[in-house]
Full PDB file with SEQRES, HELIX, SHEET, SSBOND, CRYST1, ORIGX, SCALE, CONECT and MASTER records, all heavy atoms in Angstrom:
SEQRES   1 A   37  SER THR ALA LEU PRO ALA GLY LEU GLY SER ASP GLY LEU          
SEQRES   2 A   37  PRO ILE GLY LEU GLN ALA GLY GLY ALA ALA TYR ARG THR          
SEQRES   3 A   37  ARG LEU ALA PHE TYR PHE THR ARG LEU PRO ALA                  
HELIX    1 AA1 THR A   26  ARG A   34  1                                   9    
SHEET    1 AA1 2 THR A   2  LEU A   8  0                                        
SHEET    2 AA1 2 PRO A  14  ALA A  19 -1                                        
CRYST1    1.000    1.000    1.000  90.00  90.00  90.00 P 1           1          
ORIGX1      1.000000  0.000000  0.000000        0.00000                         
ORIGX2      0.000000  1.000000  0.000000        0.00000                         
ORIGX3      0.000000  0.000000  1.000000        0.00000                         
SCALE1      1.000000  0.000000  0.000000        0.00000                         
SCALE2      0.000000  1.000000  0.000000        0.00000                         
SCALE3      0.000000  0.000000  1.000000        0.00000                         
ATOM      1  N   SER A   1     -99.034 -47.280  17.988  1.00  0.00           N  
ATOM      2  CA  SER A   1     -98.334 -46.685  16.847  1.00  0.00           C  
ATOM      3  C   SER A   1     -97.572 -45.461  17.275  1.00  0.00           C  
ATOM      4  O   SER A   1     -97.834 -44.875  18.315  1.00  0.00           O  
ATOM      5  CB  SER A   1     -99.304 -46.350  15.717  1.00  0.00           C  
ATOM      6  OG  SER A   1    -100.120 -45.289  16.122  1.00  0.00           O  
ATOM      7  N   THR A   2     -96.622 -45.101  16.439  1.00  0.00           N  
ATOM      8  CA  THR A   2     -95.876 -43.854  16.711  1.00  0.00           C  
ATOM      9  C   THR A   2     -95.435 -43.294  15.343  1.00  0.00           C  
ATOM     10  O   THR A   2     -95.357 -44.004  14.340  1.00  0.00           O  
ATOM     11  CB  THR A   2     -94.623 -44.139  17.556  1.00  0.00           C  
ATOM     12  OG1 THR A   2     -94.019 -42.928  17.920  1.00  0.00           O  
ATOM     13  CG2 THR A   2     -93.615 -45.033  16.876  1.00  0.00           C  
ATOM     14  N   ALA A   3     -95.284 -42.011  15.328  1.00  0.00           N  
ATOM     15  CA  ALA A   3     -94.950 -41.308  14.114  1.00  0.00           C  
ATOM     16  C   ALA A   3     -93.431 -41.248  13.986  1.00  0.00           C  
ATOM     17  O   ALA A   3     -92.743 -41.193  15.021  1.00  0.00           O  
ATOM     18  CB  ALA A   3     -95.532 -39.878  14.112  1.00  0.00           C  
ATOM     19  N   LEU A   4     -92.937 -41.184  12.811  1.00  0.00           N  
ATOM     20  CA  LEU A   4     -91.499 -41.052  12.573  1.00  0.00           C  
ATOM     21  C   LEU A   4     -91.254 -40.172  11.354  1.00  0.00           C  
ATOM     22  O   LEU A   4     -92.053 -40.208  10.404  1.00  0.00           O  
ATOM     23  CB  LEU A   4     -90.823 -42.435  12.392  1.00  0.00           C  
ATOM     24  CG  LEU A   4     -91.280 -43.284  11.229  1.00  0.00           C  
ATOM     25  CD1 LEU A   4     -90.074 -43.951  10.636  1.00  0.00           C  
ATOM     26  CD2 LEU A   4     -92.231 -44.340  11.707  1.00  0.00           C  
ATOM     27  N   PRO A   5     -90.179 -39.420  11.393  1.00  0.00           N  
ATOM     28  CA  PRO A   5     -89.889 -38.548  10.248  1.00  0.00           C  
ATOM     29  C   PRO A   5     -89.324 -39.349   9.114  1.00  0.00           C  
ATOM     30  O   PRO A   5     -88.622 -40.300   9.280  1.00  0.00           O  
ATOM     31  CB  PRO A   5     -88.839 -37.583  10.806  1.00  0.00           C  
ATOM     32  CG  PRO A   5     -88.167 -38.332  11.901  1.00  0.00           C  
ATOM     33  CD  PRO A   5     -89.239 -39.236  12.499  1.00  0.00           C  
ATOM     34  N   ALA A   6     -89.651 -38.900   7.877  1.00  0.00           N  
ATOM     35  CA  ALA A   6     -89.144 -39.635   6.686  1.00  0.00           C  
ATOM     36  C   ALA A   6     -88.452 -38.638   5.767  1.00  0.00           C  
ATOM     37  O   ALA A   6     -88.346 -38.842   4.591  1.00  0.00           O  
ATOM     38  CB  ALA A   6     -90.284 -40.296   5.983  1.00  0.00           C  
ATOM     39  N   GLY A   7     -87.945 -37.551   6.332  1.00  0.00           N  
ATOM     40  CA  GLY A   7     -87.258 -36.567   5.510  1.00  0.00           C  
ATOM     41  C   GLY A   7     -88.140 -35.351   5.188  1.00  0.00           C  
ATOM     42  O   GLY A   7     -89.200 -35.213   5.738  1.00  0.00           O  
ATOM     43  N   LEU A   8     -87.646 -34.538   4.224  1.00  0.00           N  
ATOM     44  CA  LEU A   8     -88.376 -33.349   3.837  1.00  0.00           C  
ATOM     45  C   LEU A   8     -88.913 -33.514   2.436  1.00  0.00           C  
ATOM     46  O   LEU A   8     -88.235 -34.155   1.570  1.00  0.00           O  
ATOM     47  CB  LEU A   8     -87.478 -32.148   3.887  1.00  0.00           C  
ATOM     48  CG  LEU A   8     -86.836 -31.833   5.267  1.00  0.00           C  
ATOM     49  CD1 LEU A   8     -85.889 -30.670   5.167  1.00  0.00           C  
ATOM     50  CD2 LEU A   8     -87.897 -31.548   6.294  1.00  0.00           C  
ATOM     51  N   GLY A   9     -90.068 -33.015   2.177  1.00  0.00           N  
ATOM     52  CA  GLY A   9     -90.680 -33.031   0.819  1.00  0.00           C  
ATOM     53  C   GLY A   9     -90.002 -31.991  -0.072  1.00  0.00           C  
ATOM     54  O   GLY A   9     -89.164 -31.208   0.370  1.00  0.00           O  
ATOM     55  N   SER A  10     -90.443 -31.929  -1.349  1.00  0.00           N  
ATOM     56  CA  SER A  10     -89.849 -30.976  -2.234  1.00  0.00           C  
ATOM     57  C   SER A  10     -90.086 -29.522  -1.871  1.00  0.00           C  
ATOM     58  O   SER A  10     -89.376 -28.641  -2.238  1.00  0.00           O  
ATOM     59  CB  SER A  10     -90.424 -31.242  -3.665  1.00  0.00           C  
ATOM     60  OG  SER A  10     -91.848 -31.075  -3.670  1.00  0.00           O  
ATOM     61  N   ASP A  11     -91.125 -29.303  -1.000  1.00  0.00           N  
ATOM     62  CA  ASP A  11     -91.374 -27.919  -0.546  1.00  0.00           C  
ATOM     63  C   ASP A  11     -90.621 -27.603   0.772  1.00  0.00           C  
ATOM     64  O   ASP A  11     -90.772 -26.534   1.348  1.00  0.00           O  
ATOM     65  CB  ASP A  11     -92.857 -27.716  -0.293  1.00  0.00           C  
ATOM     66  CG  ASP A  11     -93.482 -28.707   0.639  1.00  0.00           C  
ATOM     67  OD1 ASP A  11     -92.712 -29.589   1.147  1.00  0.00           O  
ATOM     68  OD2 ASP A  11     -94.680 -28.655   0.874  1.00  0.00           O  
ATOM     69  N   GLY A  12     -89.775 -28.574   1.220  1.00  0.00           N  
ATOM     70  CA  GLY A  12     -88.993 -28.342   2.402  1.00  0.00           C  
ATOM     71  C   GLY A  12     -89.682 -28.641   3.683  1.00  0.00           C  
ATOM     72  O   GLY A  12     -89.126 -28.508   4.760  1.00  0.00           O  
ATOM     73  N   LEU A  13     -90.981 -29.121   3.631  1.00  0.00           N  
ATOM     74  CA  LEU A  13     -91.701 -29.415   4.881  1.00  0.00           C  
ATOM     75  C   LEU A  13     -91.607 -30.911   5.171  1.00  0.00           C  
ATOM     76  O   LEU A  13     -91.422 -31.726   4.300  1.00  0.00           O  
ATOM     77  CB  LEU A  13     -93.195 -29.001   4.716  1.00  0.00           C  
ATOM     78  CG  LEU A  13     -93.400 -27.540   4.556  1.00  0.00           C  
ATOM     79  CD1 LEU A  13     -94.874 -27.230   4.259  1.00  0.00           C  
ATOM     80  CD2 LEU A  13     -92.957 -26.775   5.824  1.00  0.00           C  
ATOM     81  N   PRO A  14     -91.667 -31.272   6.484  1.00  0.00           N  
ATOM     82  CA  PRO A  14     -91.466 -32.676   6.883  1.00  0.00           C  
ATOM     83  C   PRO A  14     -92.544 -33.642   6.328  1.00  0.00           C  
ATOM     84  O   PRO A  14     -93.672 -33.239   6.157  1.00  0.00           O  
ATOM     85  CB  PRO A  14     -91.554 -32.603   8.392  1.00  0.00           C  
ATOM     86  CG  PRO A  14     -91.346 -31.223   8.766  1.00  0.00           C  
ATOM     87  CD  PRO A  14     -91.851 -30.413   7.611  1.00  0.00           C  
ATOM     88  N   ILE A  15     -92.089 -34.841   6.035  1.00  0.00           N  
ATOM     89  CA  ILE A  15     -92.980 -35.915   5.698  1.00  0.00           C  
ATOM     90  C   ILE A  15     -92.941 -36.940   6.814  1.00  0.00           C  
ATOM     91  O   ILE A  15     -91.872 -37.321   7.311  1.00  0.00           O  
ATOM     92  CB  ILE A  15     -92.560 -36.618   4.406  1.00  0.00           C  
ATOM     93  CG1 ILE A  15     -92.628 -35.608   3.249  1.00  0.00           C  
ATOM     94  CG2 ILE A  15     -93.404 -37.844   4.076  1.00  0.00           C  
ATOM     95  CD1 ILE A  15     -92.019 -36.112   1.923  1.00  0.00           C  
ATOM     96  N   GLY A  16     -94.138 -37.345   7.283  1.00  0.00           N  
ATOM     97  CA  GLY A  16     -94.167 -38.284   8.397  1.00  0.00           C  
ATOM     98  C   GLY A  16     -94.760 -39.617   7.973  1.00  0.00           C  
ATOM     99  O   GLY A  16     -95.641 -39.699   7.121  1.00  0.00           O  
ATOM    100  N   LEU A  17     -94.246 -40.650   8.607  1.00  0.00           N  
ATOM    101  CA  LEU A  17     -94.778 -42.004   8.483  1.00  0.00           C  
ATOM    102  C   LEU A  17     -95.250 -42.412   9.869  1.00  0.00           C  
ATOM    103  O   LEU A  17     -94.945 -41.780  10.854  1.00  0.00           O  
ATOM    104  CB  LEU A  17     -93.699 -42.986   8.004  1.00  0.00           C  
ATOM    105  CG  LEU A  17     -93.156 -42.759   6.636  1.00  0.00           C  
ATOM    106  CD1 LEU A  17     -91.958 -43.715   6.359  1.00  0.00           C  
ATOM    107  CD2 LEU A  17     -94.208 -42.893   5.587  1.00  0.00           C  
ATOM    108  N   GLN A  18     -95.973 -43.537   9.949  1.00  0.00           N  
ATOM    109  CA  GLN A  18     -96.297 -44.104  11.218  1.00  0.00           C  
ATOM    110  C   GLN A  18     -96.019 -45.601  11.174  1.00  0.00           C  
ATOM    111  O   GLN A  18     -96.164 -46.259  10.174  1.00  0.00           O  
ATOM    112  CB  GLN A  18     -97.755 -43.830  11.615  1.00  0.00           C  
ATOM    113  CG  GLN A  18     -98.797 -44.478  10.732  1.00  0.00           C  
ATOM    114  CD  GLN A  18    -100.189 -44.165  11.252  1.00  0.00           C  
ATOM    115  OE1 GLN A  18    -100.416 -43.905  12.394  1.00  0.00           O  
ATOM    116  NE2 GLN A  18    -101.178 -44.214  10.305  1.00  0.00           N  
ATOM    117  N   ALA A  19     -95.591 -46.074  12.331  1.00  0.00           N  
ATOM    118  CA  ALA A  19     -95.309 -47.505  12.527  1.00  0.00           C  
ATOM    119  C   ALA A  19     -96.342 -48.027  13.533  1.00  0.00           C  
ATOM    120  O   ALA A  19     -96.435 -47.539  14.619  1.00  0.00           O  
ATOM    121  CB  ALA A  19     -93.878 -47.714  13.017  1.00  0.00           C  
ATOM    122  N   GLY A  20     -97.075 -48.970  13.050  1.00  0.00           N  
ATOM    123  CA  GLY A  20     -98.082 -49.623  13.917  1.00  0.00           C  
ATOM    124  C   GLY A  20     -97.676 -51.043  14.213  1.00  0.00           C  
ATOM    125  O   GLY A  20     -97.070 -51.714  13.341  1.00  0.00           O  
ATOM    126  N   GLY A  21     -98.003 -51.468  15.390  1.00  0.00           N  
ATOM    127  CA  GLY A  21     -97.682 -52.847  15.791  1.00  0.00           C  
ATOM    128  C   GLY A  21     -98.892 -53.564  16.314  1.00  0.00           C  
ATOM    129  O   GLY A  21     -99.988 -53.045  16.421  1.00  0.00           O  
ATOM    130  N   ALA A  22     -98.671 -54.852  16.633  1.00  0.00           N  
ATOM    131  CA  ALA A  22     -99.700 -55.685  17.206  1.00  0.00           C  
ATOM    132  C   ALA A  22    -100.101 -55.186  18.601  1.00  0.00           C  
ATOM    133  O   ALA A  22     -99.318 -54.493  19.272  1.00  0.00           O  
ATOM    134  CB  ALA A  22     -99.198 -57.098  17.274  1.00  0.00           C  
ATOM    135  N   ALA A  23    -101.321 -55.499  18.956  1.00  0.00           N  
ATOM    136  CA  ALA A  23    -101.772 -55.148  20.275  1.00  0.00           C  
ATOM    137  C   ALA A  23    -100.791 -55.593  21.348  1.00  0.00           C  
ATOM    138  O   ALA A  23    -100.251 -56.692  21.285  1.00  0.00           O  
ATOM    139  CB  ALA A  23    -103.149 -55.733  20.541  1.00  0.00           C  
ATOM    140  N   TYR A  24    -100.566 -54.746  22.309  1.00  0.00           N  
ATOM    141  CA  TYR A  24     -99.680 -54.953  23.445  1.00  0.00           C  
ATOM    142  C   TYR A  24     -98.163 -55.097  23.070  1.00  0.00           C  
ATOM    143  O   TYR A  24     -97.404 -55.591  23.825  1.00  0.00           O  
ATOM    144  CB  TYR A  24    -100.116 -56.230  24.227  1.00  0.00           C  
ATOM    145  CG  TYR A  24    -101.589 -56.168  24.540  1.00  0.00           C  
ATOM    146  CD1 TYR A  24    -102.474 -57.027  23.898  1.00  0.00           C  
ATOM    147  CD2 TYR A  24    -102.091 -55.220  25.425  1.00  0.00           C  
ATOM    148  CE1 TYR A  24    -103.846 -56.953  24.171  1.00  0.00           C  
ATOM    149  CE2 TYR A  24    -103.472 -55.176  25.673  1.00  0.00           C  
ATOM    150  CZ  TYR A  24    -104.304 -56.047  25.093  1.00  0.00           C  
ATOM    151  OH  TYR A  24    -105.649 -55.945  25.360  1.00  0.00           O  
ATOM    152  N   ARG A  25     -97.824 -54.649  21.849  1.00  0.00           N  
ATOM    153  CA  ARG A  25     -96.440 -54.668  21.469  1.00  0.00           C  
ATOM    154  C   ARG A  25     -95.964 -53.251  21.165  1.00  0.00           C  
ATOM    155  O   ARG A  25     -95.314 -52.988  20.153  1.00  0.00           O  
ATOM    156  CB  ARG A  25     -96.268 -55.568  20.244  1.00  0.00           C  
ATOM    157  CG  ARG A  25     -96.533 -57.000  20.574  1.00  0.00           C  
ATOM    158  CD  ARG A  25     -95.938 -57.940  19.550  1.00  0.00           C  
ATOM    159  NE  ARG A  25     -96.339 -59.289  19.856  1.00  0.00           N  
ATOM    160  CZ  ARG A  25     -96.606 -60.203  18.945  1.00  0.00           C  
ATOM    161  NH1 ARG A  25     -96.645 -59.900  17.708  1.00  0.00           N  
ATOM    162  NH2 ARG A  25     -96.980 -61.408  19.366  1.00  0.00           N  
ATOM    163  N   THR A  26     -96.277 -52.360  22.073  1.00  0.00           N  
ATOM    164  CA  THR A  26     -95.910 -50.943  21.919  1.00  0.00           C  
ATOM    165  C   THR A  26     -94.416 -50.717  21.792  1.00  0.00           C  
ATOM    166  O   THR A  26     -93.946 -49.977  20.914  1.00  0.00           O  
ATOM    167  CB  THR A  26     -96.435 -50.128  23.110  1.00  0.00           C  
ATOM    168  OG1 THR A  26     -97.825 -50.408  23.243  1.00  0.00           O  
ATOM    169  CG2 THR A  26     -96.215 -48.662  22.929  1.00  0.00           C  
ATOM    170  N   ARG A  27     -93.629 -51.447  22.570  1.00  0.00           N  
ATOM    171  CA  ARG A  27     -92.183 -51.264  22.566  1.00  0.00           C  
ATOM    172  C   ARG A  27     -91.615 -51.563  21.188  1.00  0.00           C  
ATOM    173  O   ARG A  27     -90.666 -50.924  20.730  1.00  0.00           O  
ATOM    174  CB  ARG A  27     -91.552 -52.122  23.595  1.00  0.00           C  
ATOM    175  CG  ARG A  27     -91.736 -51.583  25.008  1.00  0.00           C  
ATOM    176  CD  ARG A  27     -90.965 -52.446  25.986  1.00  0.00           C  
ATOM    177  NE  ARG A  27     -91.263 -51.926  27.314  1.00  0.00           N  
ATOM    178  CZ  ARG A  27     -90.766 -52.441  28.391  1.00  0.00           C  
ATOM    179  NH1 ARG A  27     -89.931 -53.480  28.323  1.00  0.00           N  
ATOM    180  NH2 ARG A  27     -91.082 -51.979  29.561  1.00  0.00           N  
ATOM    181  N   LEU A  28     -92.168 -52.572  20.505  1.00  0.00           N  
ATOM    182  CA  LEU A  28     -91.664 -52.936  19.170  1.00  0.00           C  
ATOM    183  C   LEU A  28     -91.878 -51.808  18.194  1.00  0.00           C  
ATOM    184  O   LEU A  28     -90.990 -51.406  17.421  1.00  0.00           O  
ATOM    185  CB  LEU A  28     -92.328 -54.232  18.671  1.00  0.00           C  
ATOM    186  CG  LEU A  28     -91.819 -54.698  17.322  1.00  0.00           C  
ATOM    187  CD1 LEU A  28     -90.334 -55.009  17.328  1.00  0.00           C  
ATOM    188  CD2 LEU A  28     -92.600 -55.944  16.915  1.00  0.00           C  
ATOM    189  N   ALA A  29     -93.080 -51.156  18.237  1.00  0.00           N  
ATOM    190  CA  ALA A  29     -93.323 -50.042  17.293  1.00  0.00           C  
ATOM    191  C   ALA A  29     -92.389 -48.895  17.593  1.00  0.00           C  
ATOM    192  O   ALA A  29     -91.809 -48.280  16.701  1.00  0.00           O  
ATOM    193  CB  ALA A  29     -94.774 -49.595  17.438  1.00  0.00           C  
ATOM    194  N   PHE A  30     -92.161 -48.606  18.887  1.00  0.00           N  
ATOM    195  CA  PHE A  30     -91.274 -47.504  19.241  1.00  0.00           C  
ATOM    196  C   PHE A  30     -89.815 -47.841  18.868  1.00  0.00           C  
ATOM    197  O   PHE A  30     -89.095 -47.000  18.371  1.00  0.00           O  
ATOM    198  CB  PHE A  30     -91.327 -47.241  20.763  1.00  0.00           C  
ATOM    199  CG  PHE A  30     -92.558 -46.514  21.162  1.00  0.00           C  
ATOM    200  CD1 PHE A  30     -92.902 -46.340  22.481  1.00  0.00           C  
ATOM    201  CD2 PHE A  30     -93.480 -46.012  20.267  1.00  0.00           C  
ATOM    202  CE1 PHE A  30     -94.026 -45.709  22.897  1.00  0.00           C  
ATOM    203  CE2 PHE A  30     -94.645 -45.353  20.593  1.00  0.00           C  
ATOM    204  CZ  PHE A  30     -94.936 -45.218  21.924  1.00  0.00           C  
ATOM    205  N   TYR A  31     -89.412 -49.069  19.138  1.00  0.00           N  
ATOM    206  CA  TYR A  31     -88.031 -49.496  18.745  1.00  0.00           C  
ATOM    207  C   TYR A  31     -87.786 -49.381  17.249  1.00  0.00           C  
ATOM    208  O   TYR A  31     -86.754 -48.909  16.817  1.00  0.00           O  
ATOM    209  CB  TYR A  31     -87.760 -50.926  19.258  1.00  0.00           C  
ATOM    210  CG  TYR A  31     -86.383 -51.378  18.796  1.00  0.00           C  
ATOM    211  CD1 TYR A  31     -85.230 -50.951  19.453  1.00  0.00           C  
ATOM    212  CD2 TYR A  31     -86.239 -52.244  17.703  1.00  0.00           C  
ATOM    213  CE1 TYR A  31     -83.961 -51.349  19.017  1.00  0.00           C  
ATOM    214  CE2 TYR A  31     -84.990 -52.665  17.286  1.00  0.00           C  
ATOM    215  CZ  TYR A  31     -83.904 -52.236  17.927  1.00  0.00           C  
ATOM    216  OH  TYR A  31     -82.645 -52.643  17.488  1.00  0.00           O  
ATOM    217  N   PHE A  32     -88.789 -49.769  16.494  1.00  0.00           N  
ATOM    218  CA  PHE A  32     -88.678 -49.715  15.030  1.00  0.00           C  
ATOM    219  C   PHE A  32     -88.319 -48.373  14.548  1.00  0.00           C  
ATOM    220  O   PHE A  32     -87.537 -48.179  13.634  1.00  0.00           O  
ATOM    221  CB  PHE A  32     -89.913 -50.233  14.372  1.00  0.00           C  
ATOM    222  CG  PHE A  32     -89.896 -50.063  12.859  1.00  0.00           C  
ATOM    223  CD1 PHE A  32     -89.215 -50.975  12.088  1.00  0.00           C  
ATOM    224  CD2 PHE A  32     -90.498 -48.945  12.276  1.00  0.00           C  
ATOM    225  CE1 PHE A  32     -89.149 -50.734  10.696  1.00  0.00           C  
ATOM    226  CE2 PHE A  32     -90.424 -48.770  10.905  1.00  0.00           C  
ATOM    227  CZ  PHE A  32     -89.776 -49.669  10.147  1.00  0.00           C  
ATOM    228  N   THR A  33     -88.897 -47.321  15.164  1.00  0.00           N  
ATOM    229  CA  THR A  33     -88.705 -45.908  14.673  1.00  0.00           C  
ATOM    230  C   THR A  33     -87.267 -45.475  14.780  1.00  0.00           C  
ATOM    231  O   THR A  33     -86.814 -44.523  14.123  1.00  0.00           O  
ATOM    232  CB  THR A  33     -89.570 -44.915  15.392  1.00  0.00           C  
ATOM    233  OG1 THR A  33     -89.237 -44.911  16.788  1.00  0.00           O  
ATOM    234  CG2 THR A  33     -91.069 -45.253  15.225  1.00  0.00           C  
ATOM    235  N   ARG A  34     -86.484 -46.154  15.629  1.00  0.00           N  
ATOM    236  CA  ARG A  34     -85.018 -45.773  15.719  1.00  0.00           C  
ATOM    237  C   ARG A  34     -84.283 -46.182  14.445  1.00  0.00           C  
ATOM    238  O   ARG A  34     -83.314 -45.508  14.109  1.00  0.00           O  
ATOM    239  CB  ARG A  34     -84.395 -46.550  16.897  1.00  0.00           C  
ATOM    240  CG  ARG A  34     -84.899 -46.123  18.221  1.00  0.00           C  
ATOM    241  CD  ARG A  34     -84.196 -46.966  19.296  1.00  0.00           C  
ATOM    242  NE  ARG A  34     -84.727 -46.658  20.571  1.00  0.00           N  
ATOM    243  CZ  ARG A  34     -84.395 -47.306  21.659  1.00  0.00           C  
ATOM    244  NH1 ARG A  34     -83.492 -48.254  21.612  1.00  0.00           N  
ATOM    245  NH2 ARG A  34     -84.902 -46.994  22.838  1.00  0.00           N  
ATOM    246  N   LEU A  35     -84.687 -47.223  13.770  1.00  0.00           N  
ATOM    247  CA  LEU A  35     -83.981 -47.691  12.585  1.00  0.00           C  
ATOM    248  C   LEU A  35     -83.939 -46.662  11.450  1.00  0.00           C  
ATOM    249  O   LEU A  35     -82.891 -46.315  11.016  1.00  0.00           O  
ATOM    250  CB  LEU A  35     -84.502 -49.065  12.156  1.00  0.00           C  
ATOM    251  CG  LEU A  35     -84.498 -50.134  13.208  1.00  0.00           C  
ATOM    252  CD1 LEU A  35     -85.195 -51.377  12.770  1.00  0.00           C  
ATOM    253  CD2 LEU A  35     -83.098 -50.425  13.711  1.00  0.00           C  
ATOM    254  N   PRO A  36     -85.104 -46.166  11.005  1.00  0.00           N  
ATOM    255  CA  PRO A  36     -85.072 -45.116   9.939  1.00  0.00           C  
ATOM    256  C   PRO A  36     -84.366 -43.877  10.421  1.00  0.00           C  
ATOM    257  O   PRO A  36     -83.702 -43.209   9.688  1.00  0.00           O  
ATOM    258  CB  PRO A  36     -86.531 -44.847   9.670  1.00  0.00           C  
ATOM    259  CG  PRO A  36     -87.314 -46.027  10.086  1.00  0.00           C  
ATOM    260  CD  PRO A  36     -86.479 -46.577  11.305  1.00  0.00           C  
ATOM    261  N   ALA A  37     -84.513 -43.496  11.710  1.00  0.00           N  
ATOM    262  CA  ALA A  37     -83.842 -42.272  12.230  1.00  0.00           C  
ATOM    263  C   ALA A  37     -82.338 -42.423  12.084  1.00  0.00           C  
ATOM    264  O   ALA A  37     -81.679 -41.434  11.824  1.00  0.00           O  
ATOM    265  CB  ALA A  37     -84.273 -42.047  13.640  1.00  0.00           C  
TER     266      ALA A  37                                                      
MASTER        0    0    0    1    2    0    0    6  265    1    0    3          
END                                                                             
């Protein structure tokens, strides 16, 4: 899994999400985080 930013909350602080993938598919989880960014 990897964390990804999802913007700022109403208080101006970051909100984070995480993308988790299937075992041994680390690259897919990392690649996915590029899309919301």
